[in-house]
Amino acid sequence: MLLLTSGAVMAASSASEKEKSRAEIRKTSAQVLSKLYKAQPSARKAVESAAGYATFSNFGMKILVAGSGSGKGVAVKKGESTREIFMKMIEVQAGLGFGVKKFNLVFVFQNAAAFDRFVSSGWESSAQATAAASDGKQGASYAGAVSMGDGVWLYQLTDKGVAAEVTVKGTKYYKDDDLN
């Protein structure tokens, strides 16, 4: 009987932790969207009229020729019924640079097929040159929307970070099996 009781308590605790993590990601997602709309008011219409969107809060570090980053987020498919898919992100970088930055990403999917491709395969790879800085008082620096391929647009916001880099990044976005 004791074994059954402790199993039930652990399952309830696990479910509670899972919902707490989901709630934190939802809260961060709302903050990221708010920050985007403040920095680029026209983005609100793009997100509202899209088939779906995904927000990620990430942290990256670059020291000399190597770097990495990680983050969490949620992809939201809109339509008859809204569907959330909790996700993770990991990236590796090669190239000269130095910096630490906290940044947010907002993917906007123009159609359901683009959303489904992102959620199911999730890979993005890119060559990138970046010079972004924020003094922490003025808020995020806004890099603009970039086309990421067929039906996908990306907004990137950095926050209290400084980065000067020329990199080749490999980034993987994937479903968070623990939260879905």
Protein backbone atom coordinates (compact mmCIF):
# COMPACT_ATOMS: atom_id res chain seq x y z
CA MET A 1 0.00 0.00 0.00
CA LEU A 2 2.85 2.38 0.85
CA LEU A 3 4.40 1.75 -2.58
CA LEU A 4 1.11 2.59 -4.32
CA THR A 5 0.68 5.79 -2.29
CA SER A 6 4.22 7.02 -2.96
CA GLY A 7 3.79 6.25 -6.68
CA ALA A 8 0.60 8.33 -6.79
CA VAL A 9 2.31 11.21 -4.96
CA MET A 10 5.28 11.12 -7.37
CA ALA A 11 2.93 11.09 -10.40
CA ALA A 12 0.97 14.06 -9.03
CA SER A 13 4.20 15.91 -8.26
CA SER A 14 5.51 15.20 -11.76
CA ALA A 15 2.27 16.42 -13.34
CA SER A 16 2.41 19.54 -11.17
CA GLU A 17 6.02 20.25 -12.20
CA LYS A 18 5.13 19.68 -15.86
CA GLU A 19 2.25 22.16 -15.67
CA LYS A 20 4.46 24.66 -13.80
CA SER A 21 7.05 24.44 -16.60
CA ARG A 22 4.37 24.86 -19.26
CA ALA A 23 2.94 27.90 -17.45
CA GLU A 24 6.40 29.50 -17.27
CA ILE A 25 6.96 28.96 -21.00
CA ARG A 26 3.53 30.43 -21.80
CA LYS A 27 4.32 33.48 -19.65
CA THR A 28 7.69 33.96 -21.35
CA SER A 29 6.05 33.55 -24.77
CA ALA A 30 3.55 36.33 -23.98
CA GLN A 31 6.43 38.57 -22.85
CA VAL A 32 8.41 37.86 -26.03
CA LEU A 33 5.40 38.72 -28.21
CA SER A 34 4.78 41.91 -26.23
CA LYS A 35 8.43 42.93 -26.65
CA LEU A 36 8.24 42.21 -30.39
CA TYR A 37 5.06 44.25 -30.83
CA LYS A 38 6.63 47.16 -28.98
CA ALA A 39 9.81 47.02 -31.10
CA GLN A 40 8.01 46.34 -34.39
CA PRO A 41 4.28 47.18 -34.23
CA SER A 42 3.62 45.75 -37.70
CA ALA A 43 4.64 42.29 -36.42
CA ARG A 44 1.33 42.04 -34.53
CA LYS A 45 -0.63 41.80 -37.77
CA ALA A 46 1.83 39.23 -39.18
CA VAL A 47 1.43 37.00 -36.11
CA GLU A 48 -2.34 37.44 -35.85
CA SER A 49 -2.93 36.57 -39.51
CA ALA A 50 -0.48 33.63 -39.58
CA ALA A 51 -1.34 29.92 -39.50
CA GLY A 52 0.90 29.67 -36.44
CA TYR A 53 3.92 31.01 -34.62
CA ALA A 54 6.66 29.86 -32.28
CA THR A 55 8.47 31.82 -29.59
CA PHE A 56 11.79 30.86 -28.03
CA SER A 57 13.83 32.35 -25.22
CA ASN A 58 17.50 31.46 -25.72
CA PHE A 59 20.90 31.95 -24.17
CA GLY A 60 24.08 31.75 -26.22
CA MET A 61 27.80 32.01 -25.48
CA LYS A 62 30.69 32.44 -27.89
CA ILE A 63 34.37 32.23 -26.93
CA LEU A 64 36.94 32.62 -29.71
CA VAL A 65 36.13 29.90 -32.31
CA ALA A 66 33.37 27.89 -30.63
CA GLY A 67 30.00 28.60 -29.11
CA SER A 68 26.68 27.10 -28.18
CA GLY A 69 23.21 28.05 -27.10
CA SER A 70 20.04 26.53 -25.75
CA GLY A 71 16.48 27.53 -25.10
CA LYS A 72 12.86 26.62 -24.67
CA GLY A 73 9.69 27.73 -26.34
CA VAL A 74 6.25 26.95 -27.61
CA ALA A 75 4.86 26.56 -31.12
CA VAL A 76 1.19 27.54 -31.47
CA LYS A 77 -0.88 26.32 -34.39
CA LYS A 78 -3.95 28.43 -34.97
CA GLY A 79 -7.15 27.36 -36.65
CA GLU A 80 -10.35 25.69 -35.52
CA SER A 81 -8.70 24.83 -32.24
CA THR A 82 -5.44 26.27 -30.97
CA ARG A 83 -2.74 23.66 -30.42
CA GLU A 84 0.43 24.17 -28.36
CA ILE A 85 3.61 22.17 -28.86
CA PHE A 86 6.34 22.76 -26.29
CA MET A 87 9.82 22.73 -27.78
CA LYS A 88 13.52 22.95 -27.05
CA MET A 89 16.33 24.50 -29.03
CA ILE A 90 20.06 23.80 -29.17
CA GLU A 91 22.72 25.37 -31.38
CA VAL A 92 26.40 24.99 -32.07
CA GLN A 93 28.60 27.62 -33.70
CA ALA A 94 31.98 27.82 -35.36
CA GLY A 95 33.72 31.07 -36.29
CA LEU A 96 35.53 33.98 -34.73
CA GLY A 97 33.80 35.94 -32.00
CA PHE A 98 33.30 36.61 -28.35
CA GLY A 99 30.13 37.33 -26.46
CA VAL A 100 27.25 36.24 -24.36
CA LYS A 101 23.74 37.05 -25.35
CA LYS A 102 20.23 36.35 -24.27
CA PHE A 103 17.86 36.53 -27.17
CA ASN A 104 14.30 35.80 -28.20
CA LEU A 105 13.05 34.38 -31.47
CA VAL A 106 9.60 34.57 -32.99
CA PHE A 107 8.91 32.35 -35.99
CA VAL A 108 5.82 33.22 -38.03
CA PHE A 109 4.33 30.50 -40.23
CA GLN A 110 2.27 31.71 -43.17
CA ASN A 111 0.65 28.32 -43.73
CA ALA A 112 -0.08 25.08 -41.86
CA ALA A 113 2.41 23.10 -43.96
CA ALA A 114 5.28 25.38 -42.91
CA PHE A 115 4.24 25.04 -39.25
CA ASP A 116 4.03 21.24 -39.51
CA ARG A 117 7.46 21.02 -41.20
CA PHE A 118 9.03 23.11 -38.44
CA VAL A 119 7.48 21.09 -35.62
CA SER A 120 8.23 17.70 -37.16
CA SER A 121 11.77 18.31 -38.47
CA GLY A 122 12.78 21.57 -36.83
CA TRP A 123 16.27 21.96 -38.28
CA GLU A 124 17.50 25.39 -39.29
CA SER A 125 21.05 25.98 -40.42
CA SER A 126 22.47 29.32 -41.44
CA ALA A 127 25.55 31.38 -42.07
CA GLN A 128 25.33 34.60 -40.13
CA ALA A 129 27.12 37.87 -39.50
CA THR A 130 25.89 39.69 -36.42
CA ALA A 131 26.75 42.89 -34.64
CA ALA A 132 24.13 43.64 -32.01
CA ALA A 133 24.29 45.46 -28.73
CA SER A 134 21.87 46.77 -26.14
CA ASP A 135 22.63 49.00 -23.22
CA GLY A 136 19.93 47.33 -21.07
CA LYS A 137 18.15 50.66 -20.61
CA GLN A 138 16.75 51.08 -24.10
CA GLY A 139 15.44 47.49 -24.28
CA ALA A 140 16.00 45.01 -27.06
CA SER A 141 17.77 45.65 -30.30
CA TYR A 142 15.60 44.62 -33.22
CA ALA A 143 17.27 42.82 -36.10
CA GLY A 144 14.16 42.68 -38.34
CA ALA A 145 12.23 39.90 -39.97
CA VAL A 146 14.17 37.46 -42.10
CA SER A 147 12.74 34.94 -44.54
CA MET A 148 13.72 31.45 -43.40
CA GLY A 149 12.27 29.66 -46.40
CA ASP A 150 8.93 28.64 -47.77
CA GLY A 151 6.30 30.36 -45.62
CA VAL A 152 8.49 31.01 -42.55
CA TRP A 153 9.62 34.40 -41.21
CA LEU A 154 11.86 35.00 -38.21
CA TYR A 155 12.13 37.97 -35.85
CA GLN A 156 15.11 38.07 -33.48
CA LEU A 157 15.35 40.28 -30.40
CA THR A 158 18.45 40.51 -28.20
CA ASP A 159 18.21 41.63 -24.61
CA LYS A 160 21.02 43.08 -22.50
CA GLY A 161 23.51 41.25 -24.65
CA VAL A 162 26.56 42.15 -26.65
CA ALA A 163 27.73 40.03 -29.55
CA ALA A 164 30.07 40.61 -32.45
CA GLU A 165 30.48 37.46 -34.47
CA VAL A 166 30.78 35.87 -37.87
CA THR A 167 29.50 32.33 -37.51
CA VAL A 168 28.10 29.25 -39.09
CA LYS A 169 25.37 27.90 -36.85
CA GLY A 170 23.62 24.59 -36.75
CA THR A 171 20.39 24.90 -34.82
CA LYS A 172 17.92 22.19 -33.93
CA TYR A 173 14.39 22.93 -32.77
CA TYR A 174 12.58 19.86 -31.48
CA LYS A 175 9.60 18.74 -29.44
CA ASP A 176 10.08 18.64 -25.68
CA ASP A 177 8.97 15.08 -24.90
CA ASP A 178 8.78 15.87 -21.18
CA LEU A 179 6.20 18.66 -21.64
CA ASN A 180 4.04 17.37 -24.51
